[in-house]
Amino acid sequence: MPKIPGVNHKSAVRALEKVGFRVIRQGKHIIMSDGSRILTIPRANPINAFTMGGIAKDAGLSVVQFRALL
């Protein structure tokens, strides 16, 4: 699993919004969707590197693509 260390949850949400994801609801986690995929992002600062790599993969992005969006 690729790692993306040191990402704030707000930065992750902004990056995912650039590729078409929208916030559905917020609580202890932020739920985002692009219509076909649903992502769950924890409210952590920073998000665990292993977890962030999995979120990027679930969004259909590579580590390089995700870092470019930050």
PDB file of N, CA and C in Angstrom:
ATOM      1  N   MET A   1       0.857  -1.187   0.000  1.00  0.00           N
ATOM      2  CA  MET A   1       0.000   0.000   0.000  1.00  0.00           C
ATOM      3  C   MET A   1       0.896   1.240   0.000  1.00  0.00           C
ATOM      4  N   PRO A   2       0.663   2.170  -0.910  1.00  0.00           N
ATOM      5  CA  PRO A   2       1.469   3.396  -0.930  1.00  0.00           C
ATOM      6  C   PRO A   2       1.164   4.273   0.271  1.00  0.00           C
ATOM      7  N   LYS A   3       2.160   5.032   0.693  1.00  0.00           N
ATOM      8  CA  LYS A   3       1.995   5.898   1.855  1.00  0.00           C
ATOM      9  C   LYS A   3       2.042   7.364   1.453  1.00  0.00           C
ATOM     10  N   ILE A   4       1.194   8.157   2.095  1.00  0.00           N
ATOM     11  CA  ILE A   4       1.188   9.600   1.885  1.00  0.00           C
ATOM     12  C   ILE A   4       1.235  10.239   3.272  1.00  0.00           C
ATOM     13  N   PRO A   5       2.430  10.502   3.807  1.00  0.00           N
ATOM     14  CA  PRO A   5       2.539  10.984   5.179  1.00  0.00           C
ATOM     15  C   PRO A   5       2.210  12.461   5.356  1.00  0.00           C
ATOM     16  N   GLY A   6       1.760  12.805   6.562  1.00  0.00           N
ATOM     17  CA  GLY A   6       1.610  14.194   6.973  1.00  0.00           C
ATOM     18  C   GLY A   6       0.536  14.999   6.283  1.00  0.00           C
ATOM     19  N   VAL A   7      -0.636  14.393   6.022  1.00  0.00           N
ATOM     20  CA  VAL A   7      -1.707  15.128   5.354  1.00  0.00           C
ATOM     21  C   VAL A   7      -2.801  15.462   6.365  1.00  0.00           C
ATOM     22  N   ASN A   8      -3.145  16.730   6.436  1.00  0.00           N
ATOM     23  CA  ASN A   8      -4.230  17.209   7.282  1.00  0.00           C
ATOM     24  C   ASN A   8      -5.553  16.798   6.637  1.00  0.00           C
ATOM     25  N   HIS A   9      -6.593  16.506   7.424  1.00  0.00           N
ATOM     26  CA  HIS A   9      -7.868  16.071   6.842  1.00  0.00           C
ATOM     27  C   HIS A   9      -8.506  17.159   5.978  1.00  0.00           C
ATOM     28  N   LYS A  10      -8.306  18.425   6.309  1.00  0.00           N
ATOM     29  CA  LYS A  10      -8.872  19.507   5.500  1.00  0.00           C
ATOM     30  C   LYS A  10      -8.196  19.572   4.137  1.00  0.00           C
ATOM     31  N   SER A  11      -6.894  19.348   4.095  1.00  0.00           N
ATOM     32  CA  SER A  11      -6.160  19.331   2.829  1.00  0.00           C
ATOM     33  C   SER A  11      -6.611  18.161   1.960  1.00  0.00           C
ATOM     34  N   ALA A  12      -6.842  17.026   2.593  1.00  0.00           N
ATOM     35  CA  ALA A  12      -7.308  15.842   1.856  1.00  0.00           C
ATOM     36  C   ALA A  12      -8.682  16.095   1.241  1.00  0.00           C
ATOM     37  N   VAL A  13      -9.574  16.733   1.986  1.00  0.00           N
ATOM     38  CA  VAL A  13     -10.915  17.040   1.473  1.00  0.00           C
ATOM     39  C   VAL A  13     -10.822  17.994   0.294  1.00  0.00           C
ATOM     40  N   ARG A  14     -10.014  19.041   0.400  1.00  0.00           N
ATOM     41  CA  ARG A  14      -9.849  19.998  -0.704  1.00  0.00           C
ATOM     42  C   ARG A  14      -9.298  19.305  -1.953  1.00  0.00           C
ATOM     43  N   ALA A  15      -8.319  18.421  -1.768  1.00  0.00           N
ATOM     44  CA  ALA A  15      -7.723  17.715  -2.902  1.00  0.00           C
ATOM     45  C   ALA A  15      -8.751  16.815  -3.581  1.00  0.00           C
ATOM     46  N   LEU A  16      -9.560  16.127  -2.799  1.00  0.00           N
ATOM     47  CA  LEU A  16     -10.561  15.235  -3.378  1.00  0.00           C
ATOM     48  C   LEU A  16     -11.690  16.009  -4.045  1.00  0.00           C
ATOM     49  N   GLU A  17     -11.988  17.206  -3.542  1.00  0.00           N
ATOM     50  CA  GLU A  17     -13.011  18.036  -4.181  1.00  0.00           C
ATOM     51  C   GLU A  17     -12.566  18.470  -5.578  1.00  0.00           C
ATOM     52  N   LYS A  18     -11.264  18.594  -5.792  1.00  0.00           N
ATOM     53  CA  LYS A  18     -10.732  18.996  -7.101  1.00  0.00           C
ATOM     54  C   LYS A  18     -11.000  17.936  -8.171  1.00  0.00           C
ATOM     55  N   VAL A  19     -11.152  16.671  -7.761  1.00  0.00           N
ATOM     56  CA  VAL A  19     -11.393  15.594  -8.731  1.00  0.00           C
ATOM     57  C   VAL A  19     -12.853  15.151  -8.745  1.00  0.00           C
ATOM     58  N   GLY A  20     -13.730  15.942  -8.135  1.00  0.00           N
ATOM     59  CA  GLY A  20     -15.156  15.681  -8.270  1.00  0.00           C
ATOM     60  C   GLY A  20     -15.868  15.084  -7.076  1.00  0.00           C
ATOM     61  N   PHE A  21     -15.173  14.851  -5.972  1.00  0.00           N
ATOM     62  CA  PHE A  21     -15.834  14.327  -4.776  1.00  0.00           C
ATOM     63  C   PHE A  21     -16.505  15.467  -4.024  1.00  0.00           C
ATOM     64  N   ARG A  22     -17.631  15.196  -3.394  1.00  0.00           N
ATOM     65  CA  ARG A  22     -18.369  16.183  -2.612  1.00  0.00           C
ATOM     66  C   ARG A  22     -18.660  15.618  -1.234  1.00  0.00           C
ATOM     67  N   VAL A  23     -18.673  16.491  -0.235  1.00  0.00           N
ATOM     68  CA  VAL A  23     -18.967  16.086   1.139  1.00  0.00           C
ATOM     69  C   VAL A  23     -20.452  15.752   1.237  1.00  0.00           C
ATOM     70  N   ILE A  24     -20.744  14.556   1.743  1.00  0.00           N
ATOM     71  CA  ILE A  24     -22.129  14.131   1.948  1.00  0.00           C
ATOM     72  C   ILE A  24     -22.561  14.458   3.373  1.00  0.00           C
ATOM     73  N   ARG A  25     -21.722  14.076   4.334  1.00  0.00           N
ATOM     74  CA  ARG A  25     -22.019  14.404   5.725  1.00  0.00           C
ATOM     75  C   ARG A  25     -20.723  14.430   6.524  1.00  0.00           C
ATOM     76  N   GLN A  26     -20.805  15.062   7.699  1.00  0.00           N
ATOM     77  CA  GLN A  26     -19.637  15.191   8.557  1.00  0.00           C
ATOM     78  C   GLN A  26     -20.003  14.847   9.987  1.00  0.00           C
ATOM     79  N   GLY A  27     -19.077  14.274  10.684  1.00  0.00           N
ATOM     80  CA  GLY A  27     -19.200  13.942  12.089  1.00  0.00           C
ATOM     81  C   GLY A  27     -17.785  13.694  12.575  1.00  0.00           C
ATOM     82  N   LYS A  28     -17.553  12.533  13.191  1.00  0.00           N
ATOM     83  CA  LYS A  28     -16.187  12.168  13.551  1.00  0.00           C
ATOM     84  C   LYS A  28     -15.380  11.815  12.311  1.00  0.00           C
ATOM     85  N   HIS A  29     -16.074  11.464  11.244  1.00  0.00           N
ATOM     86  CA  HIS A  29     -15.460  11.204   9.946  1.00  0.00           C
ATOM     87  C   HIS A  29     -16.177  12.050   8.905  1.00  0.00           C
ATOM     88  N   ILE A  30     -15.488  12.311   7.795  1.00  0.00           N
ATOM     89  CA  ILE A  30     -16.077  13.050   6.688  1.00  0.00           C
ATOM     90  C   ILE A  30     -16.387  12.033   5.595  1.00  0.00           C
ATOM     91  N   ILE A  31     -17.634  11.993   5.153  1.00  0.00           N
ATOM     92  CA  ILE A  31     -18.060  11.071   4.118  1.00  0.00           C
ATOM     93  C   ILE A  31     -18.162  11.851   2.814  1.00  0.00           C
ATOM     94  N   MET A  32     -17.461  11.366   1.781  1.00  0.00           N
ATOM     95  CA  MET A  32     -17.457  12.036   0.474  1.00  0.00           C
ATOM     96  C   MET A  32     -17.862  11.035  -0.607  1.00  0.00           C
ATOM     97  N   SER A  33     -18.456  11.559  -1.691  1.00  0.00           N
ATOM     98  CA  SER A  33     -18.853  10.707  -2.802  1.00  0.00           C
ATOM     99  C   SER A  33     -18.700  11.469  -4.113  1.00  0.00           C
ATOM    100  N   ASP A  34     -18.458  10.698  -5.184  1.00  0.00           N
ATOM    101  CA  ASP A  34     -18.442  11.281  -6.530  1.00  0.00           C
ATOM    102  C   ASP A  34     -19.596  10.746  -7.353  1.00  0.00           C
ATOM    103  N   GLY A  35     -20.530  10.090  -6.725  1.00  0.00           N
ATOM    104  CA  GLY A  35     -21.674   9.508  -7.409  1.00  0.00           C
ATOM    105  C   GLY A  35     -21.567   8.003  -7.548  1.00  0.00           C
ATOM    106  N   SER A  36     -20.352   7.492  -7.680  1.00  0.00           N
ATOM    107  CA  SER A  36     -20.175   6.044  -7.798  1.00  0.00           C
ATOM    108  C   SER A  36     -19.333   5.465  -6.657  1.00  0.00           C
ATOM    109  N   ARG A  37     -18.477   6.259  -6.062  1.00  0.00           N
ATOM    110  CA  ARG A  37     -17.612   5.799  -4.969  1.00  0.00           C
ATOM    111  C   ARG A  37     -17.899   6.606  -3.716  1.00  0.00           C
ATOM    112  N   ILE A  38     -17.751   5.960  -2.567  1.00  0.00           N
ATOM    113  CA  ILE A  38     -17.926   6.633  -1.282  1.00  0.00           C
ATOM    114  C   ILE A  38     -16.620   6.490  -0.511  1.00  0.00           C
ATOM    115  N   LEU A  39     -16.117   7.610   0.015  1.00  0.00           N
ATOM    116  CA  LEU A  39     -14.886   7.621   0.802  1.00  0.00           C
ATOM    117  C   LEU A  39     -15.183   8.083   2.218  1.00  0.00           C
ATOM    118  N   THR A  40     -14.486   7.497   3.178  1.00  0.00           N
ATOM    119  CA  THR A  40     -14.588   7.915   4.567  1.00  0.00           C
ATOM    120  C   THR A  40     -13.234   8.443   4.986  1.00  0.00           C
ATOM    121  N   ILE A  41     -13.200   9.712   5.414  1.00  0.00           N
ATOM    122  CA  ILE A  41     -11.945  10.360   5.804  1.00  0.00           C
ATOM    123  C   ILE A  41     -12.013  10.691   7.283  1.00  0.00           C
ATOM    124  N   PRO A  42     -11.076  10.183   8.079  1.00  0.00           N
ATOM    125  CA  PRO A  42     -11.092  10.495   9.513  1.00  0.00           C
ATOM    126  C   PRO A  42     -10.672  11.936   9.764  1.00  0.00           C
ATOM    127  N   ARG A  43     -11.225  12.527  10.818  1.00  0.00           N
ATOM    128  CA  ARG A  43     -10.802  13.879  11.216  1.00  0.00           C
ATOM    129  C   ARG A  43      -9.583  13.716  12.114  1.00  0.00           C
ATOM    130  N   ALA A  44      -8.421  13.664  11.499  1.00  0.00           N
ATOM    131  CA  ALA A  44      -7.178  13.503  12.245  1.00  0.00           C
ATOM    132  C   ALA A  44      -6.146  14.439  11.642  1.00  0.00           C
ATOM    133  N   ASN A  45      -5.252  14.913  12.472  1.00  0.00           N
ATOM    134  CA  ASN A  45      -4.189  15.795  12.011  1.00  0.00           C
ATOM    135  C   ASN A  45      -2.856  15.301  12.537  1.00  0.00           C
ATOM    136  N   PRO A  46      -2.016  14.725  11.721  1.00  0.00           N
ATOM    137  CA  PRO A  46      -2.269  14.336  10.340  1.00  0.00           C
ATOM    138  C   PRO A  46      -2.955  12.974  10.269  1.00  0.00           C
ATOM    139  N   ILE A  47      -3.493  12.669   9.096  1.00  0.00           N
ATOM    140  CA  ILE A  47      -4.082  11.350   8.857  1.00  0.00           C
ATOM    141  C   ILE A  47      -2.935  10.364   8.737  1.00  0.00           C
ATOM    142  N   ASN A  48      -3.098   9.183   9.312  1.00  0.00           N
ATOM    143  CA  ASN A  48      -2.100   8.123   9.241  1.00  0.00           C
ATOM    144  C   ASN A  48      -1.710   7.885   7.781  1.00  0.00           C
ATOM    145  N   ALA A  49      -0.415   7.739   7.512  1.00  0.00           N
ATOM    146  CA  ALA A  49       0.092   7.609   6.144  1.00  0.00           C
ATOM    147  C   ALA A  49      -0.493   6.397   5.429  1.00  0.00           C
ATOM    148  N   PHE A  50      -0.619   5.278   6.118  1.00  0.00           N
ATOM    149  CA  PHE A  50      -1.169   4.063   5.530  1.00  0.00           C
ATOM    150  C   PHE A  50      -2.643   4.269   5.179  1.00  0.00           C
ATOM    151  N   THR A  51      -3.381   4.930   6.062  1.00  0.00           N
ATOM    152  CA  THR A  51      -4.799   5.216   5.830  1.00  0.00           C
ATOM    153  C   THR A  51      -4.968   6.150   4.638  1.00  0.00           C
ATOM    154  N   MET A  52      -4.154   7.184   4.550  1.00  0.00           N
ATOM    155  CA  MET A  52      -4.269   8.147   3.450  1.00  0.00           C
ATOM    156  C   MET A  52      -3.955   7.484   2.120  1.00  0.00           C
ATOM    157  N   GLY A  53      -2.995   6.579   2.100  1.00  0.00           N
ATOM    158  CA  GLY A  53      -2.696   5.832   0.876  1.00  0.00           C
ATOM    159  C   GLY A  53      -3.889   5.000   0.425  1.00  0.00           C
ATOM    160  N   GLY A  54      -4.579   4.397   1.374  1.00  0.00           N
ATOM    161  CA  GLY A  54      -5.773   3.612   1.056  1.00  0.00           C
ATOM    162  C   GLY A  54      -6.909   4.476   0.542  1.00  0.00           C
ATOM    163  N   ILE A  55      -7.073   5.660   1.122  1.00  0.00           N
ATOM    164  CA  ILE A  55      -8.125   6.578   0.669  1.00  0.00           C
ATOM    165  C   ILE A  55      -7.851   7.013  -0.764  1.00  0.00           C
ATOM    166  N   ALA A  56      -6.605   7.348  -1.072  1.00  0.00           N
ATOM    167  CA  ALA A  56      -6.244   7.762  -2.437  1.00  0.00           C
ATOM    168  C   ALA A  56      -6.501   6.627  -3.424  1.00  0.00           C
ATOM    169  N   LYS A  57      -6.156   5.411  -3.027  1.00  0.00           N
ATOM    170  CA  LYS A  57      -6.376   4.247  -3.888  1.00  0.00           C
ATOM    171  C   LYS A  57      -7.875   4.034  -4.115  1.00  0.00           C
ATOM    172  N   ASP A  58      -8.674   4.139  -3.061  1.00  0.00           N
ATOM    173  CA  ASP A  58     -10.128   3.978  -3.179  1.00  0.00           C
ATOM    174  C   ASP A  58     -10.747   5.055  -4.062  1.00  0.00           C
ATOM    175  N   ALA A  59     -10.122   6.238  -4.102  1.00  0.00           N
ATOM    176  CA  ALA A  59     -10.615   7.331  -4.936  1.00  0.00           C
ATOM    177  C   ALA A  59     -10.204   7.151  -6.394  1.00  0.00           C
ATOM    178  N   GLY A  60      -9.369   6.144  -6.670  1.00  0.00           N
ATOM    179  CA  GLY A  60      -8.930   5.903  -8.043  1.00  0.00           C
ATOM    180  C   GLY A  60      -7.727   6.734  -8.433  1.00  0.00           C
ATOM    181  N   LEU A  61      -6.973   7.207  -7.439  1.00  0.00           N
ATOM    182  CA  LEU A  61      -5.807   8.045  -7.694  1.00  0.00           C
ATOM    183  C   LEU A  61      -4.533   7.319  -7.285  1.00  0.00           C
ATOM    184  N   SER A  62      -3.436   7.613  -7.962  1.00  0.00           N
ATOM    185  CA  SER A  62      -2.134   7.113  -7.537  1.00  0.00           C
ATOM    186  C   SER A  62      -1.566   8.088  -6.505  1.00  0.00           C
ATOM    187  N   VAL A  63      -0.511   7.696  -5.840  1.00  0.00           N
ATOM    188  CA  VAL A  63       0.140   8.567  -4.857  1.00  0.00           C
ATOM    189  C   VAL A  63       0.622   9.846  -5.527  1.00  0.00           C
ATOM    190  N   VAL A  64       1.196   9.720  -6.709  1.00  0.00           N
ATOM    191  CA  VAL A  64       1.716  10.882  -7.445  1.00  0.00           C
ATOM    192  C   VAL A  64       0.576  11.831  -7.814  1.00  0.00           C
ATOM    193  N   GLN A  65      -0.540  11.285  -8.291  1.00  0.00           N
ATOM    194  CA  GLN A  65      -1.689  12.119  -8.654  1.00  0.00           C
ATOM    195  C   GLN A  65      -2.245  12.838  -7.430  1.00  0.00           C
ATOM    196  N   PHE A  66      -2.343  12.115  -6.303  1.00  0.00           N
ATOM    197  CA  PHE A  66      -2.897  12.729  -5.091  1.00  0.00           C
ATOM    198  C   PHE A  66      -2.002  13.854  -4.570  1.00  0.00           C
ATOM    199  N   ARG A  67      -0.687  13.609  -4.573  1.00  0.00           N
ATOM    200  CA  ARG A  67       0.245  14.642  -4.109  1.00  0.00           C
ATOM    201  C   ARG A  67       0.179  15.888  -4.986  1.00  0.00           C
ATOM    202  N   ALA A  68      -0.047  15.703  -6.280  1.00  0.00           N
ATOM    203  CA  ALA A  68      -0.149  16.838  -7.199  1.00  0.00           C
ATOM    204  C   ALA A  68      -1.386  17.696  -6.857  1.00  0.00           C
ATOM    205  N   LEU A  69      -2.432  17.066  -6.323  1.00  0.00           N
ATOM    206  CA  LEU A  69      -3.656  17.791  -5.966  1.00  0.00           C
ATOM    207  C   LEU A  69      -3.507  18.588  -4.677  1.00  0.00           C
ATOM    208  N   LEU A  70      -2.555  18.184  -3.827  1.00  0.00           N
ATOM    209  CA  LEU A  70      -2.347  18.891  -2.566  1.00  0.00           C
ATOM    210  C   LEU A  70      -1.728  20.240  -2.864  1.00  0.00           C
TER     211      LEU A  70
END
